[in-house]
């Protein structure tokens, strides 16, 4: 597992502003900070890719350079993932992209827990490809597991990278117990726990609402 805040960097400023209620009223800034963290995480993940050497011709000569051998497939879980995903797309600008529509369906009683309604999937061929699954909040982990299960009905990726901004220990444990395919988890921060409504504590609130407005 990669945890971004384990190493001090300017990325901590972006994460702190996402959490800070003094900044959260500025939706543009909130979305931009998610985008920035997407760019940082894309850079970190790129270090694990295979590269090949090419000769690049400049106006004054030739220089060898190492380029990514194969572009990844980016898959975003709507809707909160959109700004975070944009950061990845800024860096992997030639990547194929897919989108998943999933939301938490809360039952009438808390002790029944959270179920995930999976409504939409539009994805390219993922077979034998590097898959980057992008969801900023890893709370229960159920949407991640359901997404990977459904994606694998259409193909088996060569590698899976699960990327979140903030994760709860319960969600990390759930995916480790329910995903049998090898994967690597990338998070900016791991928080304390989930509350009774399965929201991350201290977290940052509802990322989708802070990006785009309250849902009804």
Protein backbone atom coordinates (compact mmCIF):
# COMPACT_ATOMS: atom_id res chain seq x y z
CA UNK A 1 0.00 0.00 0.00
CA UNK A 2 1.16 3.51 -0.87
CA UNK A 3 0.20 6.33 1.54
CA UNK A 4 0.99 9.77 0.17
CA UNK A 5 1.04 11.67 3.46
CA UNK A 6 3.69 9.33 4.90
CA UNK A 7 6.16 11.63 3.16
CA UNK A 8 5.96 15.38 3.70
CA UNK A 9 5.20 17.24 0.48
CA UNK A 10 3.16 20.14 -0.87
CA UNK A 11 0.36 17.59 -1.49
CA UNK A 12 -0.41 17.82 2.25
CA UNK A 13 -1.58 21.42 1.64
CA UNK A 14 -4.12 20.23 -0.95
CA UNK A 15 -5.40 17.52 1.40
CA UNK A 16 -5.62 19.91 4.37
CA UNK A 17 -7.68 22.39 2.35
CA UNK A 18 -10.07 19.63 1.26
CA UNK A 19 -10.79 18.86 4.92
CA UNK A 20 -10.90 22.46 6.16
CA UNK A 21 -14.43 23.83 6.55
CA UNK A 22 -13.01 27.33 6.00
CA UNK A 23 -12.17 26.33 2.41
CA UNK A 24 -15.04 23.98 1.58
CA UNK A 25 -17.48 26.70 0.52
CA UNK A 26 -15.28 27.35 -2.50
CA UNK A 27 -16.37 24.56 -4.84
CA UNK A 28 -13.91 25.54 -7.54
CA UNK A 29 -11.00 25.30 -5.09
CA UNK A 30 -12.33 22.01 -3.70
CA UNK A 31 -12.52 20.46 -7.17
CA UNK A 32 -9.12 21.86 -8.09
CA UNK A 33 -7.50 20.33 -4.99
CA UNK A 34 -8.98 16.93 -5.88
CA UNK A 35 -7.60 17.39 -9.39
CA UNK A 36 -4.17 18.30 -8.02
CA UNK A 37 -4.09 15.18 -5.85
CA UNK A 38 -5.10 13.13 -8.90
CA UNK A 39 -2.08 14.54 -10.73
CA UNK A 40 0.23 13.73 -7.81
CA UNK A 41 -1.05 10.16 -7.55
CA UNK A 42 -0.83 9.67 -11.32
CA UNK A 43 2.82 10.70 -11.14
CA UNK A 44 3.50 8.25 -8.28
CA UNK A 45 1.75 5.35 -10.05
CA UNK A 46 3.61 6.07 -13.30
CA UNK A 47 6.85 5.11 -11.57
CA UNK A 48 5.66 1.49 -11.47
CA UNK A 49 4.97 1.25 -15.23
CA UNK A 50 7.10 -0.34 -17.92
CA UNK A 51 9.05 2.14 -20.07
CA UNK A 52 10.89 1.89 -23.35
CA UNK A 53 13.66 3.99 -24.84
CA UNK A 54 13.12 6.19 -27.89
CA UNK A 55 15.19 8.74 -29.78
CA UNK A 56 13.66 12.22 -29.76
CA UNK A 57 14.71 14.67 -32.46
CA UNK A 58 15.06 18.27 -31.33
CA UNK A 59 15.94 21.15 -33.69
CA UNK A 60 19.58 20.78 -32.63
CA UNK A 61 20.10 17.05 -32.21
CA UNK A 62 18.89 13.73 -30.84
CA UNK A 63 18.24 12.74 -27.24
CA UNK A 64 17.24 9.35 -25.81
CA UNK A 65 14.14 9.40 -23.64
CA UNK A 66 12.13 6.79 -21.71
CA UNK A 67 8.40 6.71 -22.46
CA UNK A 68 5.53 4.68 -20.99
CA UNK A 69 5.19 1.48 -22.99
CA UNK A 70 1.43 1.11 -22.58
CA UNK A 71 -1.17 3.63 -21.49
CA UNK A 72 -3.47 2.60 -18.61
CA UNK A 73 -7.25 2.40 -18.58
CA UNK A 74 -8.74 4.99 -16.19
CA UNK A 75 -12.08 4.07 -14.60
CA UNK A 76 -13.89 6.65 -12.46
CA UNK A 77 -16.74 5.92 -10.05
CA UNK A 78 -19.27 8.74 -10.49
CA UNK A 79 -19.85 11.43 -9.33
CA UNK A 80 -17.28 12.56 -6.76
CA UNK A 81 -14.45 10.96 -8.73
CA UNK A 82 -14.73 13.35 -11.68
CA UNK A 83 -12.28 16.07 -10.51
CA UNK A 84 -9.89 13.44 -9.06
CA UNK A 85 -10.10 11.53 -12.35
CA UNK A 86 -9.36 14.72 -14.30
CA UNK A 87 -5.99 14.92 -12.54
CA UNK A 88 -5.14 11.44 -13.81
CA UNK A 89 -6.31 12.32 -17.31
CA UNK A 90 -4.14 15.45 -17.28
CA UNK A 91 -1.08 13.22 -16.87
CA UNK A 92 -2.20 10.10 -18.76
CA UNK A 93 -3.62 12.17 -21.59
CA UNK A 94 -3.60 9.28 -24.09
CA UNK A 95 -5.32 6.82 -21.75
CA UNK A 96 -8.65 5.14 -22.43
CA UNK A 97 -11.37 5.99 -19.90
CA UNK A 98 -14.39 4.28 -18.42
CA UNK A 99 -17.16 5.36 -16.04
CA UNK A 100 -19.15 3.57 -13.38
CA UNK A 101 -22.46 4.72 -11.91
CA UNK A 102 -22.84 3.39 -8.37
CA UNK A 103 -24.36 4.80 -5.20
CA UNK A 104 -24.93 3.74 -1.64
CA UNK A 105 -28.42 2.45 -0.92
CA UNK A 106 -29.18 2.89 2.75
CA UNK A 107 -31.60 0.40 4.20
CA UNK A 108 -34.39 1.35 6.59
CA UNK A 109 -32.42 0.21 9.63
CA UNK A 110 -28.79 0.98 10.32
CA UNK A 111 -27.96 -2.55 11.40
CA UNK A 112 -28.71 -3.76 7.87
CA UNK A 113 -25.73 -1.80 6.67
CA UNK A 114 -25.01 -0.13 3.35
CA UNK A 115 -25.71 -1.74 0.01
CA UNK A 116 -24.38 -0.51 -3.34
CA UNK A 117 -26.71 0.07 -6.29
CA UNK A 118 -24.79 -0.48 -9.54
CA UNK A 119 -26.61 1.28 -12.37
CA UNK A 120 -24.20 2.19 -15.15
CA UNK A 121 -21.00 0.92 -16.74
CA UNK A 122 -19.31 2.28 -19.86
CA UNK A 123 -15.76 0.98 -20.14
CA UNK A 124 -13.24 0.12 -22.86
CA UNK A 125 -11.55 -3.25 -23.20
CA UNK A 126 -9.63 -3.93 -19.98
CA UNK A 127 -8.35 -7.38 -20.87
CA UNK A 128 -4.61 -7.62 -20.18
CA UNK A 129 -4.48 -3.86 -19.56
CA UNK A 130 -3.30 -1.81 -16.59
CA UNK A 131 -6.46 -0.68 -14.79
CA UNK A 132 -6.56 2.38 -12.53
CA UNK A 133 -9.80 2.50 -10.52
CA UNK A 134 -10.46 6.02 -9.20
CA UNK A 135 -12.79 6.72 -6.25
CA UNK A 136 -11.82 9.52 -3.84
CA UNK A 137 -13.50 8.12 -0.71
CA UNK A 138 -12.83 4.51 0.31
CA UNK A 139 -15.39 4.08 3.10
CA UNK A 140 -16.99 0.62 3.31
CA UNK A 141 -15.12 -0.64 0.24
CA UNK A 142 -18.32 -2.18 -1.17
CA UNK A 143 -18.47 0.00 -4.29
CA UNK A 144 -14.86 -0.88 -5.14
CA UNK A 145 -15.47 -4.60 -4.76
CA UNK A 146 -18.70 -4.51 -6.78
CA UNK A 147 -17.01 -2.45 -9.51
CA UNK A 148 -14.08 -4.85 -9.85
CA UNK A 149 -16.43 -7.87 -9.87
CA UNK A 150 -18.47 -6.31 -12.70
CA UNK A 151 -15.43 -5.17 -14.66
CA UNK A 152 -13.95 -8.64 -14.58
CA UNK A 153 -17.05 -10.03 -16.26
CA UNK A 154 -15.76 -8.26 -19.39
CA UNK A 155 -12.05 -9.06 -19.07
CA UNK A 156 -9.09 -9.63 -16.79
CA UNK A 157 -6.72 -6.69 -16.38
CA UNK A 158 -2.98 -7.26 -16.23
CA UNK A 159 -2.73 -5.13 -13.10
CA UNK A 160 -5.15 -3.22 -10.86
CA UNK A 161 -4.42 0.03 -9.04
CA UNK A 162 -7.13 1.24 -6.63
CA UNK A 163 -6.73 4.94 -5.84
CA UNK A 164 -8.49 7.02 -3.18
CA UNK A 165 -7.89 10.31 -1.43
CA UNK A 166 -9.12 9.23 2.00
CA UNK A 167 -9.63 5.66 3.20
CA UNK A 168 -11.12 4.09 6.31
CA UNK A 169 -9.53 1.00 7.88
CA UNK A 170 -12.84 -0.85 7.54
CA UNK A 171 -12.89 -0.27 3.78
CA UNK A 172 -9.28 -1.35 3.37
CA UNK A 173 -10.04 -4.52 5.30
CA UNK A 174 -13.20 -5.23 3.29
CA UNK A 175 -11.47 -5.07 -0.08
CA UNK A 176 -8.56 -7.17 1.19
CA UNK A 177 -11.06 -9.85 2.24
CA UNK A 178 -13.19 -9.72 -0.92
CA UNK A 179 -10.85 -9.07 -3.85
CA UNK A 180 -8.93 -12.17 -4.83
CA UNK A 181 -7.22 -10.64 -7.87
CA UNK A 182 -3.83 -9.04 -7.08
CA UNK A 183 -4.04 -5.25 -6.73
CA UNK A 184 -2.18 -2.31 -5.26
CA UNK A 185 -3.89 0.29 -3.09
CA UNK A 186 -2.88 3.96 -3.33
CA UNK A 187 -4.29 6.45 -0.80
CA UNK A 188 -3.45 9.98 0.22
CA UNK A 189 -4.49 9.42 3.83
CA UNK A 190 -5.93 6.74 6.14
CA UNK A 191 -8.41 8.07 8.71
CA UNK A 192 -9.68 6.74 12.02
CA UNK A 193 -12.90 4.82 11.34
CA UNK A 194 -16.43 4.86 9.96
CA UNK A 195 -19.35 6.31 11.92
CA UNK A 196 -22.76 4.65 12.29
CA UNK A 197 -23.80 6.00 8.87
CA UNK A 198 -20.62 4.58 7.29
CA UNK A 199 -19.05 7.99 6.67
CA UNK A 200 -15.31 8.39 7.22
CA UNK A 201 -14.20 10.08 10.45
CA UNK A 202 -12.74 12.73 10.41
CA UNK A 203 -12.91 12.55 6.59
CA UNK A 204 -14.06 15.69 4.83
CA UNK A 205 -17.83 15.29 4.44
CA UNK A 206 -19.63 14.25 1.26
CA UNK A 207 -17.12 14.78 -1.54
CA UNK A 208 -19.78 14.70 -4.26
CA UNK A 209 -21.92 17.35 -2.56
CA UNK A 210 -18.87 19.56 -1.93
CA UNK A 211 -17.92 19.30 -5.61
CA UNK A 212 -21.30 19.71 -7.24
CA UNK A 213 -23.98 20.65 -4.68
CA UNK A 214 -26.31 18.71 -2.43
CA UNK A 215 -28.19 15.79 -3.96
CA UNK A 216 -31.85 15.09 -3.32
